[in-house]
PDB file of N, CA and C in Angstrom:
ATOM      1  N   UNK A   1      95.959  67.342 110.749  1.00  0.00           N
ATOM      2  CA  UNK A   1      94.716  67.092 109.644  1.00  0.00           C
ATOM      3  C   UNK A   1      95.062  67.532 108.215  1.00  0.00           C
ATOM      4  N   UNK A   2      94.952  66.750 107.122  1.00  0.00           N
ATOM      5  CA  UNK A   2      95.543  67.489 105.935  1.00  0.00           C
ATOM      6  C   UNK A   2      94.256  68.517 105.559  1.00  0.00           C
ATOM      7  N   UNK A   3      94.822  69.517 104.798  1.00  0.00           N
ATOM      8  CA  UNK A   3      94.062  70.684 104.160  1.00  0.00           C
ATOM      9  C   UNK A   3      93.749  70.527 102.937  1.00  0.00           C
ATOM     10  N   UNK A   4      92.755  71.130 102.153  1.00  0.00           N
ATOM     11  CA  UNK A   4      92.668  71.059 100.648  1.00  0.00           C
ATOM     12  C   UNK A   4      94.005  71.618 100.218  1.00  0.00           C
ATOM     13  N   UNK A   5      95.049  72.434 100.808  1.00  0.00           N
ATOM     14  CA  UNK A   5      96.322  72.813  99.927  1.00  0.00           C
ATOM     15  C   UNK A   5      96.838  71.550  99.989  1.00  0.00           C
ATOM     16  N   UNK A   6      96.996  71.007 100.855  1.00  0.00           N
ATOM     17  CA  UNK A   6      98.338  69.586 100.847  1.00  0.00           C
ATOM     18  C   UNK A   6      97.729  68.633  99.500  1.00  0.00           C
ATOM     19  N   UNK A   7      96.718  68.774  98.847  1.00  0.00           N
ATOM     20  CA  UNK A   7      96.494  67.660  98.262  1.00  0.00           C
ATOM     21  C   UNK A   7      97.187  67.796  96.561  1.00  0.00           C
ATOM     22  N   UNK A   8      97.957  69.339  96.590  1.00  0.00           N
ATOM     23  CA  UNK A   8      98.628  69.684  95.389  1.00  0.00           C
ATOM     24  C   UNK A   8      97.984  70.885  94.597  1.00  0.00           C
ATOM     25  N   UNK A   9      98.715  71.690  93.763  1.00  0.00           N
ATOM     26  CA  UNK A   9      97.995  72.654  93.192  1.00  0.00           C
ATOM     27  C   UNK A   9      96.566  72.790  92.319  1.00  0.00           C
ATOM     28  N   UNK A  10      96.577  71.370  91.765  1.00  0.00           N
ATOM     29  CA  UNK A  10      95.515  71.575  91.101  1.00  0.00           C
ATOM     30  C   UNK A  10      94.219  71.092  91.861  1.00  0.00           C
ATOM     31  N   UNK A  11      94.344  70.381  92.772  1.00  0.00           N
ATOM     32  CA  UNK A  11      93.268  70.145  93.766  1.00  0.00           C
ATOM     33  C   UNK A  11      92.897  71.576  94.510  1.00  0.00           C
ATOM     34  N   UNK A  12      93.980  72.117  95.086  1.00  0.00           N
ATOM     35  CA  UNK A  12      93.887  73.518  95.250  1.00  0.00           C
ATOM     36  C   UNK A  12      93.182  74.487  94.331  1.00  0.00           C
ATOM     37  N   UNK A  13      93.383  74.492  93.241  1.00  0.00           N
ATOM     38  CA  UNK A  13      92.886  75.433  92.435  1.00  0.00           C
ATOM     39  C   UNK A  13      91.151  74.913  92.069  1.00  0.00           C
ATOM     40  N   UNK A  14      90.822  73.655  92.027  1.00  0.00           N
ATOM     41  CA  UNK A  14      89.566  73.133  91.748  1.00  0.00           C
ATOM     42  C   UNK A  14      88.916  73.798  93.025  1.00  0.00           C
ATOM     43  N   UNK A  15      89.369  73.680  94.234  1.00  0.00           N
ATOM     44  CA  UNK A  15      88.428  73.983  95.396  1.00  0.00           C
ATOM     45  C   UNK A  15      88.190  75.618  95.545  1.00  0.00           C
ATOM     46  N   UNK A  16      89.209  76.178  95.085  1.00  0.00           N
ATOM     47  CA  UNK A  16      88.736  77.642  94.841  1.00  0.00           C
ATOM     48  C   UNK A  16      87.456  77.774  93.807  1.00  0.00           C
ATOM     49  N   UNK A  17      87.668  77.155  93.070  1.00  0.00           N
ATOM     50  CA  UNK A  17      86.903  77.312  91.849  1.00  0.00           C
ATOM     51  C   UNK A  17      85.250  76.771  92.038  1.00  0.00           C
ATOM     52  N   UNK A  18      85.177  76.051  93.180  1.00  0.00           N
ATOM     53  CA  UNK A  18      83.753  75.533  93.561  1.00  0.00           C
ATOM     54  C   UNK A  18      83.267  76.294  94.212  1.00  0.00           C
ATOM     55  N   UNK A  19      83.758  77.259  94.884  1.00  0.00           N
ATOM     56  CA  UNK A  19      83.392  78.025  95.736  1.00  0.00           C
ATOM     57  C   UNK A  19      82.049  79.045  95.296  1.00  0.00           C
ATOM     58  N   UNK A  20      81.176  79.186  96.420  1.00  0.00           N
ATOM     59  CA  UNK A  20      79.916  80.378  95.759  1.00  0.00           C
ATOM     60  C   UNK A  20      80.212  81.561  96.511  1.00  0.00           C
ATOM     61  N   UNK A  21      80.066  82.500  95.853  1.00  0.00           N
ATOM     62  CA  UNK A  21      80.341  83.923  96.378  1.00  0.00           C
ATOM     63  C   UNK A  21      78.737  84.575  96.344  1.00  0.00           C
ATOM     64  N   UNK A  22      78.696  85.085  97.824  1.00  0.00           N
ATOM     65  CA  UNK A  22      77.552  85.953  98.158  1.00  0.00           C
ATOM     66  C   UNK A  22      77.111  87.312  97.324  1.00  0.00           C
ATOM     67  N   UNK A  23      76.148  87.882  97.679  1.00  0.00           N
ATOM     68  CA  UNK A  23      76.144  89.112  96.936  1.00  0.00           C
ATOM     69  C   UNK A  23      77.056  90.054  97.785  1.00  0.00           C
ATOM     70  N   UNK A  24      77.103  89.876  99.106  1.00  0.00           N
ATOM     71  CA  UNK A  24      77.926  91.021  99.743  1.00  0.00           C
ATOM     72  C   UNK A  24      79.433  90.983  99.554  1.00  0.00           C
ATOM     73  N   UNK A  25      80.037  89.715  98.774  1.00  0.00           N
ATOM     74  CA  UNK A  25      81.313  89.468  98.242  1.00  0.00           C
ATOM     75  C   UNK A  25      81.483  89.366  96.799  1.00  0.00           C
ATOM     76  N   UNK A  26      80.447  90.064  96.177  1.00  0.00           N
ATOM     77  CA  UNK A  26      80.602  90.181  94.477  1.00  0.00           C
ATOM     78  C   UNK A  26      81.777  90.623  93.976  1.00  0.00           C
ATOM     79  N   UNK A  27      82.499  91.191  94.679  1.00  0.00           N
ATOM     80  CA  UNK A  27      84.066  91.687  93.772  1.00  0.00           C
ATOM     81  C   UNK A  27      84.747  90.522  94.039  1.00  0.00           C
ATOM     82  N   UNK A  28      84.592  89.359  95.100  1.00  0.00           N
ATOM     83  CA  UNK A  28      85.551  88.212  95.362  1.00  0.00           C
ATOM     84  C   UNK A  28      85.244  87.263  94.325  1.00  0.00           C
ATOM     85  N   UNK A  29      86.497  86.476  93.781  1.00  0.00           N
ATOM     86  CA  UNK A  29      86.054  85.214  93.081  1.00  0.00           C
ATOM     87  C   UNK A  29      85.909  84.155  93.861  1.00  0.00           C
ATOM     88  N   UNK A  30      86.254  84.087  94.926  1.00  0.00           N
ATOM     89  CA  UNK A  30      85.827  82.630  95.958  1.00  0.00           C
ATOM     90  C   UNK A  30      85.819  82.773  97.362  1.00  0.00           C
ATOM     91  N   UNK A  31      85.182  82.058  98.264  1.00  0.00           N
ATOM     92  CA  UNK A  31      85.220  82.061  99.581  1.00  0.00           C
ATOM     93  C   UNK A  31      85.503  80.697 100.007  1.00  0.00           C
ATOM     94  N   UNK A  32      86.514  80.647 100.925  1.00  0.00           N
ATOM     95  CA  UNK A  32      86.803  78.844 101.574  1.00  0.00           C
ATOM     96  C   UNK A  32      87.057  79.102 102.912  1.00  0.00           C
ATOM     97  N   UNK A  33      86.365  78.056 103.452  1.00  0.00           N
ATOM     98  CA  UNK A  33      86.693  78.101 104.880  1.00  0.00           C
ATOM     99  C   UNK A  33      87.596  76.786 105.228  1.00  0.00           C
ATOM    100  N   UNK A  34      88.660  77.116 106.082  1.00  0.00           N
ATOM    101  CA  UNK A  34      89.807  76.315 106.172  1.00  0.00           C
ATOM    102  C   UNK A  34      89.783  75.634 107.492  1.00  0.00           C
ATOM    103  N   UNK A  35      89.671  74.353 107.943  1.00  0.00           N
ATOM    104  CA  UNK A  35      89.732  73.963 109.245  1.00  0.00           C
ATOM    105  C   UNK A  35      91.324  74.197 109.959  1.00  0.00           C
ATOM    106  N   UNK A  36      91.485  74.847 110.979  1.00  0.00           N
ATOM    107  CA  UNK A  36      93.245  74.974 111.556  1.00  0.00           C
ATOM    108  C   UNK A  36      92.914  73.820 112.738  1.00  0.00           C
ATOM    109  N   UNK A  37      92.004  73.919 113.474  1.00  0.00           N
ATOM    110  CA  UNK A  37      91.909  72.787 114.598  1.00  0.00           C
ATOM    111  C   UNK A  37      90.529  72.375 114.624  1.00  0.00           C
ATOM    112  N   UNK A  38      90.107  71.656 115.434  1.00  0.00           N
ATOM    113  CA  UNK A  38      88.851  71.241 115.717  1.00  0.00           C
ATOM    114  C   UNK A  38      87.950  72.571 116.416  1.00  0.00           C
ATOM    115  N   UNK A  39      86.962  72.593 115.647  1.00  0.00           N
ATOM    116  CA  UNK A  39      85.986  73.587 115.743  1.00  0.00           C
ATOM    117  C   UNK A  39      86.304  75.055 115.319  1.00  0.00           C
ATOM    118  N   UNK A  40      87.536  75.208 114.803  1.00  0.00           N
ATOM    119  CA  UNK A  40      88.049  76.496 114.181  1.00  0.00           C
ATOM    120  C   UNK A  40      88.109  76.543 112.642  1.00  0.00           C
ATOM    121  N   UNK A  41      87.663  77.159 112.050  1.00  0.00           N
ATOM    122  CA  UNK A  41      87.902  77.591 110.803  1.00  0.00           C
ATOM    123  C   UNK A  41      88.330  78.666 110.648  1.00  0.00           C
ATOM    124  N   UNK A  42      89.114  79.249 109.397  1.00  0.00           N
ATOM    125  CA  UNK A  42      89.548  80.543 108.890  1.00  0.00           C
ATOM    126  C   UNK A  42      88.935  80.757 107.494  1.00  0.00           C
ATOM    127  N   UNK A  43      88.253  81.849 107.561  1.00  0.00           N
ATOM    128  CA  UNK A  43      87.827  82.097 106.318  1.00  0.00           C
ATOM    129  C   UNK A  43      88.757  82.846 105.019  1.00  0.00           C
ATOM    130  N   UNK A  44      89.052  82.510 104.060  1.00  0.00           N
ATOM    131  CA  UNK A  44      90.074  82.795 102.917  1.00  0.00           C
ATOM    132  C   UNK A  44      89.086  83.246 101.802  1.00  0.00           C
ATOM    133  N   UNK A  45      89.443  84.586 101.464  1.00  0.00           N
ATOM    134  CA  UNK A  45      88.681  84.980 100.167  1.00  0.00           C
ATOM    135  C   UNK A  45      89.812  85.073  98.841  1.00  0.00           C
ATOM    136  N   UNK A  46      89.323  85.117  97.894  1.00  0.00           N
ATOM    137  CA  UNK A  46      90.063  85.079  96.481  1.00  0.00           C
ATOM    138  C   UNK A  46      89.833  86.133  95.733  1.00  0.00           C
ATOM    139  N   UNK A  47      90.359  86.432  94.884  1.00  0.00           N
ATOM    140  CA  UNK A  47      90.345  87.171  93.835  1.00  0.00           C
ATOM    141  C   UNK A  47      91.297  86.956  92.724  1.00  0.00           C
ATOM    142  N   UNK A  48      90.858  86.551  91.420  1.00  0.00           N
ATOM    143  CA  UNK A  48      91.581  86.593  90.440  1.00  0.00           C
ATOM    144  C   UNK A  48      91.593  87.956  89.241  1.00  0.00           C
ATOM    145  N   UNK A  49      92.787  88.284  89.245  1.00  0.00           N
ATOM    146  CA  UNK A  49      93.066  89.220  87.984  1.00  0.00           C
ATOM    147  C   UNK A  49      93.813  88.897  86.970  1.00  0.00           C
ATOM    148  N   UNK A  50      93.500  89.507  85.698  1.00  0.00           N
ATOM    149  CA  UNK A  50      93.985  89.390  84.631  1.00  0.00           C
ATOM    150  C   UNK A  50      95.333  90.355  84.374  1.00  0.00           C
ATOM    151  N   UNK A  51      95.665  90.632  83.387  1.00  0.00           N
ATOM    152  CA  UNK A  51      96.758  91.796  83.490  1.00  0.00           C
ATOM    153  C   UNK A  51      96.601  93.119  83.850  1.00  0.00           C
ATOM    154  N   UNK A  52      97.508  94.075  83.942  1.00  0.00           N
ATOM    155  CA  UNK A  52      97.155  95.365  84.285  1.00  0.00           C
ATOM    156  C   UNK A  52      96.882  95.700  85.748  1.00  0.00           C
ATOM    157  N   UNK A  53      97.675  94.819  86.755  1.00  0.00           N
ATOM    158  CA  UNK A  53      97.315  95.125  88.179  1.00  0.00           C
ATOM    159  C   UNK A  53      98.085  95.961  88.520  1.00  0.00           C
ATOM    160  N   UNK A  54      97.605  96.576  89.750  1.00  0.00           N
ATOM    161  CA  UNK A  54      98.950  97.387  90.634  1.00  0.00           C
ATOM    162  C   UNK A  54      98.307  97.296  91.866  1.00  0.00           C
ATOM    163  N   UNK A  55      98.998  98.161  92.466  1.00  0.00           N
ATOM    164  CA  UNK A  55      98.786  98.629  94.347  1.00  0.00           C
ATOM    165  C   UNK A  55      97.415  98.996  94.497  1.00  0.00           C
ATOM    166  N   UNK A  56      96.694  99.696  93.543  1.00  0.00           N
ATOM    167  CA  UNK A  56      95.230 100.114  93.847  1.00  0.00           C
ATOM    168  C   UNK A  56      94.421  98.835  93.883  1.00  0.00           C
ATOM    169  N   UNK A  57      94.654  97.887  92.969  1.00  0.00           N
ATOM    170  CA  UNK A  57      94.005  96.571  92.940  1.00  0.00           C
ATOM    171  C   UNK A  57      94.168  95.678  94.175  1.00  0.00           C
ATOM    172  N   UNK A  58      95.393  95.770  94.822  1.00  0.00           N
ATOM    173  CA  UNK A  58      95.445  94.860  96.132  1.00  0.00           C
ATOM    174  C   UNK A  58      94.935  95.640  97.365  1.00  0.00           C
ATOM    175  N   UNK A  59      94.945  96.929  97.207  1.00  0.00           N
ATOM    176  CA  UNK A  59      94.336  97.738  98.412  1.00  0.00           C
ATOM    177  C   UNK A  59      92.929  97.310  98.380  1.00  0.00           C
ATOM    178  N   UNK A  60      92.057  97.748  97.162  1.00  0.00           N
ATOM    179  CA  UNK A  60      90.831  97.484  96.756  1.00  0.00           C
ATOM    180  C   UNK A  60      90.120  96.069  97.264  1.00  0.00           C
ATOM    181  N   UNK A  61      90.894  94.964  96.880  1.00  0.00           N
ATOM    182  CA  UNK A  61      90.684  93.584  97.637  1.00  0.00           C
ATOM    183  C   UNK A  61      90.952  93.613  98.862  1.00  0.00           C
ATOM    184  N   UNK A  62      91.702  94.017  99.633  1.00  0.00           N
ATOM    185  CA  UNK A  62      91.907  93.904 100.908  1.00  0.00           C
ATOM    186  C   UNK A  62      90.560  94.803 101.405  1.00  0.00           C
ATOM    187  N   UNK A  63      90.329  96.098 100.923  1.00  0.00           N
ATOM    188  CA  UNK A  63      88.818  96.515 101.399  1.00  0.00           C
ATOM    189  C   UNK A  63      87.760  95.526 101.174  1.00  0.00           C
ATOM    190  N   UNK A  64      87.566  94.712 100.171  1.00  0.00           N
ATOM    191  CA  UNK A  64      86.659  93.800  99.964  1.00  0.00           C
ATOM    192  C   UNK A  64      86.652  92.690 101.218  1.00  0.00           C
ATOM    193  N   UNK A  65      87.858  92.302 101.321  1.00  0.00           N
ATOM    194  CA  UNK A  65      88.193  91.230 102.379  1.00  0.00           C
ATOM    195  C   UNK A  65      87.781  91.485 103.599  1.00  0.00           C
ATOM    196  N   UNK A  66      88.227  92.627 104.066  1.00  0.00           N
ATOM    197  CA  UNK A  66      87.659  93.455 105.409  1.00  0.00           C
ATOM    198  C   UNK A  66      86.256  93.293 105.676  1.00  0.00           C
ATOM    199  N   UNK A  67      85.333  93.866 104.192  1.00  0.00           N
ATOM    200  CA  UNK A  67      84.052  94.088 104.159  1.00  0.00           C
ATOM    201  C   UNK A  67      83.373  92.457 104.374  1.00  0.00           C
ATOM    202  N   UNK A  68      83.922  91.607 103.736  1.00  0.00           N
ATOM    203  CA  UNK A  68      83.729  90.293 103.749  1.00  0.00           C
ATOM    204  C   UNK A  68      83.730  89.763 105.059  1.00  0.00           C
ATOM    205  N   UNK A  69      84.415  89.938 106.032  1.00  0.00           N
ATOM    206  CA  UNK A  69      84.962  89.257 107.341  1.00  0.00           C
ATOM    207  C   UNK A  69      85.825  88.534 107.548  1.00  0.00           C
ATOM    208  N   UNK A  70      86.612  88.284 106.021  1.00  0.00           N
ATOM    209  CA  UNK A  70      87.589  86.888 105.978  1.00  0.00           C
ATOM    210  C   UNK A  70      88.715  87.228 106.670  1.00  0.00           C
ATOM    211  N   UNK A  71      89.319  86.237 107.282  1.00  0.00           N
ATOM    212  CA  UNK A  71      90.293  86.359 107.937  1.00  0.00           C
ATOM    213  C   UNK A  71      91.831  86.659 106.739  1.00  0.00           C
ATOM    214  N   UNK A  72      91.922  85.920 105.790  1.00  0.00           N
ATOM    215  CA  UNK A  72      92.963  85.969 104.830  1.00  0.00           C
ATOM    216  C   UNK A  72      92.494  86.218 103.330  1.00  0.00           C
ATOM    217  N   UNK A  73      93.154  86.563 102.565  1.00  0.00           N
ATOM    218  CA  UNK A  73      93.041  87.215 101.409  1.00  0.00           C
ATOM    219  C   UNK A  73      93.991  86.559 100.270  1.00  0.00           C
ATOM    220  N   UNK A  74      93.835  86.007  99.452  1.00  0.00           N
ATOM    221  CA  UNK A  74      94.349  85.465  98.174  1.00  0.00           C
ATOM    222  C   UNK A  74      94.376  86.016  96.879  1.00  0.00           C
ATOM    223  N   UNK A  75      95.323  87.244  96.602  1.00  0.00           N
ATOM    224  CA  UNK A  75      95.119  87.746  95.437  1.00  0.00           C
ATOM    225  C   UNK A  75      96.063  87.030  94.198  1.00  0.00           C
ATOM    226  N   UNK A  76      95.356  86.611  93.205  1.00  0.00           N
ATOM    227  CA  UNK A  76      95.960  85.835  92.147  1.00  0.00           C
ATOM    228  C   UNK A  76      95.828  86.817  91.105  1.00  0.00           C
ATOM    229  N   UNK A  77      97.060  86.812  90.490  1.00  0.00           N
ATOM    230  CA  UNK A  77      97.241  87.715  89.041  1.00  0.00           C
ATOM    231  C   UNK A  77      98.181  86.942  88.039  1.00  0.00           C
ATOM    232  N   UNK A  78      97.694  87.314  86.827  1.00  0.00           N
ATOM    233  CA  UNK A  78      98.252  86.776  85.757  1.00  0.00           C
ATOM    234  C   UNK A  78      99.545  87.341  85.119  1.00  0.00           C
ATOM    235  N   UNK A  79      99.843  88.747  86.159  1.00  0.00           N
ATOM    236  CA  UNK A  79     100.972  89.328  85.424  1.00  0.00           C
ATOM    237  C   UNK A  79     102.375  88.244  85.697  1.00  0.00           C
ATOM    238  N   UNK A  80     103.446  88.867  84.737  1.00  0.00           N
ATOM    239  CA  UNK A  80     104.641  88.073  85.153  1.00  0.00           C
ATOM    240  C   UNK A  80     105.618  88.319  86.252  1.00  0.00           C
ATOM    241  N   UNK A  81     105.446  89.490  86.709  1.00  0.00           N
ATOM    242  CA  UNK A  81     106.053  90.151  88.151  1.00  0.00           C
ATOM    243  C   UNK A  81     105.006  90.592  89.033  1.00  0.00           C
ATOM    244  N   UNK A  82     105.409  90.569  90.329  1.00  0.00           N
ATOM    245  CA  UNK A  82     104.519  91.671  91.072  1.00  0.00           C
ATOM    246  C   UNK A  82     105.363  92.632  91.429  1.00  0.00           C
ATOM    247  N   UNK A  83     104.950  93.799  91.575  1.00  0.00           N
ATOM    248  CA  UNK A  83     105.483  95.158  91.815  1.00  0.00           C
ATOM    249  C   UNK A  83     105.663  94.990  93.007  1.00  0.00           C
ATOM    250  N   UNK A  84     106.893  96.079  93.447  1.00  0.00           N
ATOM    251  CA  UNK A  84     107.144  96.412  94.731  1.00  0.00           C
ATOM    252  C   UNK A  84     105.755  97.282  95.370  1.00  0.00           C
ATOM    253  N   UNK A  85     105.271  97.738  94.679  1.00  0.00           N
ATOM    254  CA  UNK A  85     104.046  98.569  95.161  1.00  0.00           C
ATOM    255  C   UNK A  85     102.940  97.617  95.632  1.00  0.00           C
ATOM    256  N   UNK A  86     102.734  96.932  94.603  1.00  0.00           N
ATOM    257  CA  UNK A  86     101.831  95.621  95.125  1.00  0.00           C
ATOM    258  C   UNK A  86     102.105  94.812  96.532  1.00  0.00           C
ATOM    259  N   UNK A  87     103.292  94.453  96.474  1.00  0.00           N
ATOM    260  CA  UNK A  87     103.951  94.125  97.630  1.00  0.00           C
ATOM    261  C   UNK A  87     103.936  95.027  99.022  1.00  0.00           C
ATOM    262  N   UNK A  88     104.192  96.255  98.787  1.00  0.00           N
ATOM    263  CA  UNK A  88     104.008  96.966  99.668  1.00  0.00           C
ATOM    264  C   UNK A  88     102.268  97.147 100.363  1.00  0.00           C
ATOM    265  N   UNK A  89     101.524  97.085  99.397  1.00  0.00           N
ATOM    266  CA  UNK A  89     100.219  97.248  99.715  1.00  0.00           C
ATOM    267  C   UNK A  89      99.719  95.984 100.384  1.00  0.00           C
ATOM    268  N   UNK A  90     100.190  94.533  99.688  1.00  0.00           N
ATOM    269  CA  UNK A  90      99.751  93.509 100.864  1.00  0.00           C
ATOM    270  C   UNK A  90     100.374  93.653 101.951  1.00  0.00           C
ATOM    271  N   UNK A  91     101.663  94.002 102.387  1.00  0.00           N
ATOM    272  CA  UNK A  91     102.286  94.030 103.563  1.00  0.00           C
ATOM    273  C   UNK A  91     101.602  94.745 104.513  1.00  0.00           C
ATOM    274  N   UNK A  92     100.805  95.928 103.905  1.00  0.00           N
ATOM    275  CA  UNK A  92     100.393  97.006 105.017  1.00  0.00           C
ATOM    276  C   UNK A  92      98.791  96.477 105.819  1.00  0.00           C
ATOM    277  N   UNK A  93      98.385  95.322 105.051  1.00  0.00           N
ATOM    278  CA  UNK A  93      97.515  94.768 105.415  1.00  0.00           C
ATOM    279  C   UNK A  93      97.517  94.113 106.903  1.00  0.00           C
ATOM    280  N   UNK A  94      98.774  94.004 106.982  1.00  0.00           N
ATOM    281  CA  UNK A  94      99.105  93.268 108.475  1.00  0.00           C
ATOM    282  C   UNK A  94      99.359  91.605 108.273  1.00  0.00           C
ATOM    283  N   UNK A  95      99.296  90.664 109.435  1.00  0.00           N
ATOM    284  CA  UNK A  95      99.335  89.633 109.725  1.00  0.00           C
ATOM    285  C   UNK A  95      97.991  89.154 110.486  1.00  0.00           C
ATOM    286  N   UNK A  96      97.846  87.873 110.017  1.00  0.00           N
ATOM    287  CA  UNK A  96      96.809  87.082 110.893  1.00  0.00           C
ATOM    288  C   UNK A  96      97.763  85.675 111.598  1.00  0.00           C
ATOM    289  N   UNK A  97      97.532  85.787 112.788  1.00  0.00           N
ATOM    290  CA  UNK A  97      98.389  84.607 113.292  1.00  0.00           C
ATOM    291  C   UNK A  97      99.547  84.690 112.775  1.00  0.00           C
ATOM    292  N   UNK A  98     100.185  83.532 111.920  1.00  0.00           N
ATOM    293  CA  UNK A  98     101.567  83.813 111.649  1.00  0.00           C
ATOM    294  C   UNK A  98     101.785  84.040 110.411  1.00  0.00           C
ATOM    295  N   UNK A  99     100.812  84.464 109.523  1.00  0.00           N
ATOM    296  CA  UNK A  99     101.069  84.366 107.874  1.00  0.00           C
ATOM    297  C   UNK A  99     100.287  85.760 107.655  1.00  0.00           C
ATOM    298  N   UNK A 100     101.116  86.422 106.394  1.00  0.00           N
ATOM    299  CA  UNK A 100     100.358  87.608 105.741  1.00  0.00           C
ATOM    300  C   UNK A 100      98.773  87.457 105.665  1.00  0.00           C
ATOM    301  N   UNK A 101      98.265  88.627 105.839  1.00  0.00           N
ATOM    302  CA  UNK A 101      96.674  88.760 105.863  1.00  0.00           C
ATOM    303  C   UNK A 101      96.151  88.802 104.270  1.00  0.00           C
ATOM    304  N   UNK A 102      97.013  89.357 103.702  1.00  0.00           N
ATOM    305  CA  UNK A 102      96.850  89.238 101.963  1.00  0.00           C
ATOM    306  C   UNK A 102      98.015  88.826 101.697  1.00  0.00           C
ATOM    307  N   UNK A 103      97.864  87.743 100.979  1.00  0.00           N
ATOM    308  CA  UNK A 103      98.980  86.989 100.233  1.00  0.00           C
ATOM    309  C   UNK A 103      98.777  87.117  98.487  1.00  0.00           C
ATOM    310  N   UNK A 104     100.033  87.622  97.713  1.00  0.00           N
ATOM    311  CA  UNK A 104     100.154  87.671  96.297  1.00  0.00           C
ATOM    312  C   UNK A 104     100.371  86.389  96.109  1.00  0.00           C
ATOM    313  N   UNK A 105      99.567  86.073  94.747  1.00  0.00           N
ATOM    314  CA  UNK A 105      99.924  84.713  94.211  1.00  0.00           C
ATOM    315  C   UNK A 105      99.815  85.005  92.637  1.00  0.00           C
ATOM    316  N   UNK A 106     100.783  84.379  92.024  1.00  0.00           N
ATOM    317  CA  UNK A 106     100.917  84.729  90.547  1.00  0.00           C
ATOM    318  C   UNK A 106     100.722  83.015  89.707  1.00  0.00           C
ATOM    319  N   UNK A 107     100.280  83.517  88.664  1.00  0.00           N
ATOM    320  CA  UNK A 107      99.905  82.020  87.814  1.00  0.00           C
ATOM    321  C   UNK A 107     101.308  81.270  87.857  1.00  0.00           C
ATOM    322  N   UNK A 108     102.528  81.829  87.730  1.00  0.00           N
ATOM    323  CA  UNK A 108     103.757  81.393  87.967  1.00  0.00           C
ATOM    324  C   UNK A 108     103.752  80.414  89.043  1.00  0.00           C
ATOM    325  N   UNK A 109     103.587  81.015  90.267  1.00  0.00           N
ATOM    326  CA  UNK A 109     103.682  80.335  91.419  1.00  0.00           C
ATOM    327  C   UNK A 109     102.613  79.003  91.558  1.00  0.00           C
ATOM    328  N   UNK A 110     101.430  78.908  90.811  1.00  0.00           N
ATOM    329  CA  UNK A 110     100.604  77.993  90.512  1.00  0.00           C
ATOM    330  C   UNK A 110     101.386  76.767  89.704  1.00  0.00           C
ATOM    331  N   UNK A 111     101.805  77.192  88.782  1.00  0.00           N
ATOM    332  CA  UNK A 111     102.512  76.162  87.714  1.00  0.00           C
ATOM    333  C   UNK A 111     103.776  75.455  88.220  1.00  0.00           C
ATOM    334  N   UNK A 112     104.543  76.242  89.216  1.00  0.00           N
ATOM    335  CA  UNK A 112     105.872  75.828  89.938  1.00  0.00           C
ATOM    336  C   UNK A 112     105.657  75.141  91.213  1.00  0.00           C
ATOM    337  N   UNK A 113     104.018  74.954  91.612  1.00  0.00           N
ATOM    338  CA  UNK A 113     103.370  74.014  92.580  1.00  0.00           C
ATOM    339  C   UNK A 113     104.132  74.816  93.929  1.00  0.00           C
ATOM    340  N   UNK A 114     104.133  76.006  94.014  1.00  0.00           N
ATOM    341  CA  UNK A 114     104.119  76.858  95.256  1.00  0.00           C
ATOM    342  C   UNK A 114     102.693  76.987  96.114  1.00  0.00           C
ATOM    343  N   UNK A 115     102.562  76.838  96.986  1.00  0.00           N
ATOM    344  CA  UNK A 115     101.285  77.142  97.739  1.00  0.00           C
ATOM    345  C   UNK A 115     101.201  78.515  98.740  1.00  0.00           C
ATOM    346  N   UNK A 116      99.692  78.754  99.064  1.00  0.00           N
ATOM    347  CA  UNK A 116      99.939  79.804  99.685  1.00  0.00           C
ATOM    348  C   UNK A 116      99.972  79.477 101.381  1.00  0.00           C
ATOM    349  N   UNK A 117     100.675  80.409 102.153  1.00  0.00           N
ATOM    350  CA  UNK A 117     100.531  80.021 103.479  1.00  0.00           C
ATOM    351  C   UNK A 117      99.036  80.360 104.502  1.00  0.00           C
ATOM    352  N   UNK A 118      99.053  79.308 105.332  1.00  0.00           N
ATOM    353  CA  UNK A 118      97.883  79.351 105.891  1.00  0.00           C
ATOM    354  C   UNK A 118      98.276  79.176 107.311  1.00  0.00           C
ATOM    355  N   UNK A 119      97.557  79.590 108.422  1.00  0.00           N
ATOM    356  CA  UNK A 119      98.008  79.254 109.859  1.00  0.00           C
ATOM    357  C   UNK A 119      98.456  78.099 110.131  1.00  0.00           C
ATOM    358  N   UNK A 120      99.381  77.690 110.936  1.00  0.00           N
ATOM    359  CA  UNK A 120      99.465  76.534 111.433  1.00  0.00           C
ATOM    360  C   UNK A 120      98.352  76.328 112.451  1.00  0.00           C
ATOM    361  N   UNK A 121      98.178  74.993 112.562  1.00  0.00           N
ATOM    362  CA  UNK A 121      96.858  74.461 113.472  1.00  0.00           C
ATOM    363  C   UNK A 121      97.620  74.592 115.128  1.00  0.00           C
ATOM    364  N   UNK A 122      96.728  74.718 115.815  1.00  0.00           N
ATOM    365  CA  UNK A 122      97.295  75.185 117.092  1.00  0.00           C
ATOM    366  C   UNK A 122      96.270  74.501 118.146  1.00  0.00           C
TER     367      UNK A 122
END
C-alpha cells in the first residue's frame, strides 16, 4: 500500500501542512495517521522550528509527543546542521517498531528528497 510519503517530498510536506492540531497538542505543528497494514495506523506528530534549536527543544518535543500519545515524532528544523546533543536527545526517545521514535529532519533533507523512516508494513 503506498503511503503519503511515497508521493515525493512536496506531497509529503503538503500532507503535513493540511493536518489539524487539537488543543491538547497545541505545541505540535501537525498530526498525521499513516496506515501500516489493514486496520492499523500509526500516529505521527511534527514540529517545525526555525533557527536556534538545541537538545532542549528536541526533549520538549518528545514530551509533547508522549502527551499526545503519538507513536512517532518528526522534529523539523531550519538549522544548517543538527548537533550531537540534538541527535542524542532524539536517540534517547527509543525506537518504535523498527524506526527511531523521534526523528530529526532538516530543510536540507527536504530539498535533497530524503524521507523520514516509517515502520514497515507487517
